[in-house]
Amino acid sequence: TTIFDFMEEVIKQNKELEKLHKELGSVAQSNATSIHPTGVGPSGPPTNAGSFIKSKGKATAGATKTKTIRSAIEKLKNTIKKMKG
């Protein structure tokens, strides 16, 4: 296993983590605005909608940070390759 293999695995895992952050954000957004049927008609938005919105914000920030880390690793990998010749 080379440093490049390791970096490729980190990049791959990083991409998966970014997808999970985005999925979590989508679920949080959906839950914040969901209306559920009840015996007397539909309910209003959930009383804890603010918590879902906060979770969405954290997920969006996590996805952005993950992407930034991946970009830095990719740049580092390219720099090492250039040095190697």
Protein backbone atom coordinates (compact mmCIF):
# COMPACT_ATOMS: atom_id res chain seq x y z
CA THR A 1 0.00 0.00 0.00
CA THR A 2 1.35 3.39 -0.97
CA ILE A 3 0.65 6.84 0.38
CA PHE A 4 -1.39 7.41 -2.79
CA ASP A 5 -3.55 4.35 -2.08
CA PHE A 6 -4.15 5.67 1.41
CA MET A 7 -5.01 9.13 0.11
CA GLU A 8 -7.40 7.68 -2.47
CA GLU A 9 -9.17 5.72 0.28
CA VAL A 10 -9.46 8.85 2.44
CA ILE A 11 -10.84 10.78 -0.55
CA LYS A 12 -13.34 7.98 -1.25
CA GLN A 13 -14.50 7.88 2.39
CA ASN A 14 -14.67 11.66 2.43
CA LYS A 15 -17.02 11.65 -0.58
CA GLU A 16 -19.28 9.16 1.21
CA LEU A 17 -19.28 11.33 4.33
CA GLU A 18 -20.25 14.37 2.27
CA LYS A 19 -23.18 12.40 0.77
CA LEU A 20 -24.31 11.41 4.28
CA HIS A 21 -24.16 15.03 5.48
CA LYS A 22 -26.31 16.08 2.52
CA GLU A 23 -28.77 13.23 3.13
CA LEU A 24 -29.06 14.16 6.80
CA GLY A 25 -29.72 17.76 5.80
CA SER A 26 -32.48 16.68 3.43
CA VAL A 27 -34.11 14.50 6.09
CA ALA A 28 -33.91 17.31 8.65
CA GLN A 29 -35.47 19.77 6.18
CA SER A 30 -38.25 17.33 5.39
CA ASN A 31 -38.96 16.68 9.06
CA ALA A 32 -39.00 20.40 9.85
CA THR A 33 -41.83 21.01 7.40
CA SER A 34 -43.72 17.72 7.53
CA ILE A 35 -47.43 17.69 8.27
CA HIS A 36 -48.83 14.45 9.61
CA PRO A 37 -52.38 13.20 9.29
CA THR A 38 -54.28 12.85 12.55
CA GLY A 39 -57.75 11.62 13.44
CA VAL A 40 -59.07 15.19 13.24
CA GLY A 41 -57.17 16.32 10.14
CA PRO A 42 -53.61 17.22 9.32
CA SER A 43 -51.30 18.52 12.01
CA GLY A 44 -49.28 21.69 11.72
CA PRO A 45 -45.52 21.77 11.45
CA PRO A 46 -43.76 19.91 14.25
CA THR A 47 -43.23 21.85 17.47
CA ASN A 48 -39.52 21.01 17.32
CA ALA A 49 -39.05 22.32 13.76
CA GLY A 50 -36.27 24.61 15.01
CA SER A 51 -34.23 21.58 16.06
CA PHE A 52 -34.58 20.08 12.60
CA ILE A 53 -33.52 23.36 10.98
CA LYS A 54 -30.49 23.51 13.31
CA SER A 55 -29.61 19.93 12.32
CA LYS A 56 -29.89 20.89 8.66
CA GLY A 57 -27.50 23.79 9.24
CA LYS A 58 -24.99 21.51 10.96
CA ALA A 59 -25.27 18.96 8.14
CA THR A 60 -24.72 21.66 5.50
CA ALA A 61 -21.69 22.98 7.39
CA GLY A 62 -20.37 19.42 7.77
CA ALA A 63 -20.73 18.77 4.05
CA THR A 64 -18.88 21.99 3.25
CA LYS A 65 -16.05 21.21 5.68
CA THR A 66 -15.80 17.66 4.34
CA LYS A 67 -15.50 18.97 0.79
CA THR A 68 -12.82 21.48 1.87
CA ILE A 69 -10.80 18.72 3.54
CA ARG A 70 -11.09 16.54 0.44
CA SER A 71 -9.90 19.39 -1.77
CA ALA A 72 -6.85 19.90 0.48
CA ILE A 73 -6.01 16.18 0.37
CA GLU A 74 -6.35 16.12 -3.42
CA LYS A 75 -4.02 19.14 -3.74
CA LEU A 76 -1.52 17.51 -1.40
CA LYS A 77 -1.67 14.28 -3.40
CA ASN A 78 -1.00 16.17 -6.64
CA THR A 79 1.90 18.07 -5.07
CA ILE A 80 3.48 14.83 -3.85
CA LYS A 81 3.07 13.26 -7.31
CA LYS A 82 4.80 16.26 -8.91
CA MET A 83 7.66 16.02 -6.42
CA LYS A 84 8.01 12.32 -7.09
CA GLY A 85 8.32 13.05 -10.81
